Amino acid sequence: MVIYDYDVPEYDIWHMMVDESKQGHGYGKEALDRVIDYIRTKPFGNSSRIALTCNKYNSVL
């Protein structure tokens, strides 16, 4: 999910996840690359900022 925060302004990437059984195959990297390519088209507004957050308690697989 890509959200544009007009107050900052910046693009926020929310709820990006890869199923545990598919992790370690490069799908997350490819998905993130595609999302960033999409954001570069500035579909909602002009900004050079992208935020991607994570839960610090996520386990490393």
N, C-alpha and C. Protein backbone atom coordinates (compact mmCIF):
# COMPACT_ATOMS: atom_id res chain seq x y z
N MET A 1 0.85 -1.17 0.00
CA MET A 1 0.00 0.00 0.00
C MET A 1 0.90 1.23 0.00
N VAL A 2 0.64 2.14 -0.91
CA VAL A 2 1.39 3.40 -0.97
C VAL A 2 0.44 4.53 -0.59
N ILE A 3 0.88 5.32 0.35
CA ILE A 3 0.09 6.46 0.82
C ILE A 3 0.92 7.72 0.64
N TYR A 4 0.27 8.79 0.23
CA TYR A 4 0.96 10.07 0.13
C TYR A 4 0.51 10.94 1.28
N ASP A 5 1.46 11.37 2.08
CA ASP A 5 1.17 12.24 3.22
C ASP A 5 1.37 13.68 2.79
N TYR A 6 0.27 14.39 2.57
CA TYR A 6 0.32 15.76 2.09
C TYR A 6 0.90 16.72 3.14
N ASP A 7 0.86 16.35 4.41
CA ASP A 7 1.36 17.23 5.47
C ASP A 7 2.89 17.29 5.48
N VAL A 8 3.56 16.22 5.06
CA VAL A 8 5.02 16.17 5.20
C VAL A 8 5.75 16.88 4.06
N PRO A 9 5.58 16.73 2.80
CA PRO A 9 4.98 15.63 2.04
C PRO A 9 5.98 14.49 1.83
N GLU A 10 5.44 13.26 1.87
CA GLU A 10 6.26 12.08 1.60
C GLU A 10 5.37 10.91 1.24
N TYR A 11 5.98 9.94 0.61
CA TYR A 11 5.29 8.70 0.29
C TYR A 11 5.59 7.70 1.40
N ASP A 12 4.57 7.00 1.85
CA ASP A 12 4.73 5.98 2.88
C ASP A 12 4.34 4.62 2.31
N ILE A 13 5.19 3.64 2.53
CA ILE A 13 4.89 2.27 2.11
C ILE A 13 4.41 1.53 3.34
N TRP A 14 3.17 1.07 3.29
CA TRP A 14 2.54 0.40 4.44
C TRP A 14 2.20 -1.04 4.09
N HIS A 15 2.30 -1.89 5.07
CA HIS A 15 1.81 -3.27 4.99
C HIS A 15 2.43 -4.06 3.85
N MET A 16 3.71 -3.86 3.64
CA MET A 16 4.41 -4.67 2.64
C MET A 16 4.91 -5.93 3.34
N MET A 17 4.52 -7.05 2.80
CA MET A 17 4.92 -8.31 3.44
C MET A 17 5.03 -9.41 2.41
N VAL A 18 5.84 -10.40 2.74
CA VAL A 18 6.01 -11.58 1.90
C VAL A 18 5.71 -12.78 2.79
N ASP A 19 4.89 -13.67 2.28
CA ASP A 19 4.55 -14.87 3.05
C ASP A 19 5.82 -15.60 3.46
N GLU A 20 5.81 -16.11 4.68
CA GLU A 20 6.99 -16.78 5.23
C GLU A 20 7.51 -17.88 4.30
N SER A 21 6.62 -18.61 3.66
CA SER A 21 7.05 -19.71 2.78
C SER A 21 7.73 -19.22 1.50
N LYS A 22 7.60 -17.94 1.19
CA LYS A 22 8.19 -17.37 -0.03
C LYS A 22 9.38 -16.47 0.26
N GLN A 23 9.74 -16.31 1.53
CA GLN A 23 10.84 -15.44 1.89
C GLN A 23 12.18 -16.08 1.50
N GLY A 24 13.14 -15.20 1.21
CA GLY A 24 14.48 -15.67 0.85
C GLY A 24 14.66 -15.94 -0.63
N HIS A 25 13.68 -15.57 -1.45
CA HIS A 25 13.75 -15.81 -2.89
C HIS A 25 13.86 -14.51 -3.69
N GLY A 26 13.98 -13.37 -3.01
CA GLY A 26 14.11 -12.10 -3.70
C GLY A 26 12.80 -11.41 -4.05
N TYR A 27 11.66 -12.00 -3.64
CA TYR A 27 10.36 -11.41 -3.97
C TYR A 27 10.17 -10.06 -3.29
N GLY A 28 10.62 -9.93 -2.06
CA GLY A 28 10.48 -8.66 -1.34
C GLY A 28 11.29 -7.56 -1.99
N LYS A 29 12.52 -7.88 -2.39
CA LYS A 29 13.36 -6.89 -3.06
C LYS A 29 12.72 -6.46 -4.37
N GLU A 30 12.25 -7.42 -5.15
CA GLU A 30 11.61 -7.09 -6.43
C GLU A 30 10.36 -6.25 -6.21
N ALA A 31 9.56 -6.60 -5.22
CA ALA A 31 8.35 -5.83 -4.94
C ALA A 31 8.70 -4.40 -4.53
N LEU A 32 9.70 -4.26 -3.66
CA LEU A 32 10.11 -2.93 -3.21
C LEU A 32 10.65 -2.11 -4.38
N ASP A 33 11.45 -2.73 -5.24
CA ASP A 33 11.95 -2.02 -6.43
C ASP A 33 10.80 -1.51 -7.29
N ARG A 34 9.77 -2.33 -7.47
CA ARG A 34 8.62 -1.93 -8.30
C ARG A 34 7.82 -0.81 -7.64
N VAL A 35 7.67 -0.87 -6.33
CA VAL A 35 6.95 0.19 -5.62
C VAL A 35 7.71 1.50 -5.74
N ILE A 36 9.02 1.46 -5.59
CA ILE A 36 9.83 2.68 -5.70
C ILE A 36 9.77 3.23 -7.12
N ASP A 37 9.80 2.36 -8.12
CA ASP A 37 9.65 2.82 -9.51
C ASP A 37 8.31 3.54 -9.69
N TYR A 38 7.26 2.99 -9.11
CA TYR A 38 5.94 3.61 -9.18
C TYR A 38 5.95 4.98 -8.50
N ILE A 39 6.53 5.06 -7.31
CA ILE A 39 6.59 6.32 -6.57
C ILE A 39 7.38 7.37 -7.34
N ARG A 40 8.39 6.95 -8.06
CA ARG A 40 9.19 7.91 -8.86
C ARG A 40 8.36 8.64 -9.91
N THR A 41 7.22 8.08 -10.29
CA THR A 41 6.34 8.76 -11.25
C THR A 41 5.54 9.86 -10.57
N LYS A 42 5.66 9.97 -9.24
CA LYS A 42 4.98 10.98 -8.42
C LYS A 42 3.47 11.01 -8.70
N PRO A 43 2.81 9.87 -8.52
CA PRO A 43 1.39 9.78 -8.88
C PRO A 43 0.47 10.65 -8.04
N PHE A 44 0.88 11.00 -6.83
CA PHE A 44 -0.01 11.77 -5.94
C PHE A 44 0.51 13.16 -5.61
N GLY A 45 1.79 13.40 -5.86
CA GLY A 45 2.37 14.70 -5.55
C GLY A 45 3.88 14.65 -5.60
N ASN A 46 4.49 15.81 -5.56
CA ASN A 46 5.93 15.92 -5.67
C ASN A 46 6.58 15.72 -4.30
N SER A 47 7.48 14.77 -4.23
CA SER A 47 8.25 14.54 -3.01
C SER A 47 9.44 13.66 -3.34
N SER A 48 10.53 13.88 -2.66
CA SER A 48 11.69 13.01 -2.81
C SER A 48 11.86 12.12 -1.58
N ARG A 49 10.83 12.09 -0.74
CA ARG A 49 10.89 11.31 0.51
C ARG A 49 10.02 10.06 0.41
N ILE A 50 10.59 8.94 0.87
CA ILE A 50 9.85 7.68 0.98
C ILE A 50 10.12 7.13 2.37
N ALA A 51 9.06 6.72 3.05
CA ALA A 51 9.21 6.12 4.37
C ALA A 51 8.71 4.68 4.33
N LEU A 52 9.51 3.78 4.85
CA LEU A 52 9.14 2.38 5.01
C LEU A 52 9.45 2.02 6.45
N THR A 53 8.45 1.63 7.19
CA THR A 53 8.67 1.30 8.59
C THR A 53 8.50 -0.20 8.79
N CYS A 54 9.00 -0.66 9.90
CA CYS A 54 8.85 -2.08 10.23
C CYS A 54 8.64 -2.22 11.73
N ASN A 55 8.17 -3.37 12.11
CA ASN A 55 7.98 -3.69 13.52
C ASN A 55 9.31 -4.21 14.05
N LYS A 56 9.86 -3.55 15.05
CA LYS A 56 11.17 -3.97 15.55
C LYS A 56 11.15 -5.34 16.20
N TYR A 57 9.96 -5.87 16.46
CA TYR A 57 9.84 -7.19 17.06
C TYR A 57 9.65 -8.30 16.03
N ASN A 58 9.66 -7.95 14.73
CA ASN A 58 9.59 -9.00 13.71
C ASN A 58 10.76 -9.95 13.88
N SER A 59 10.50 -11.22 13.73
CA SER A 59 11.60 -12.18 13.84
C SER A 59 12.32 -12.27 12.51
N VAL A 60 13.61 -12.53 12.57
CA VAL A 60 14.42 -12.71 11.38
C VAL A 60 14.36 -14.18 11.01
N LEU A 61 14.00 -14.45 9.76
CA LEU A 61 13.89 -15.85 9.32
C LEU A 61 15.08 -16.23 8.48
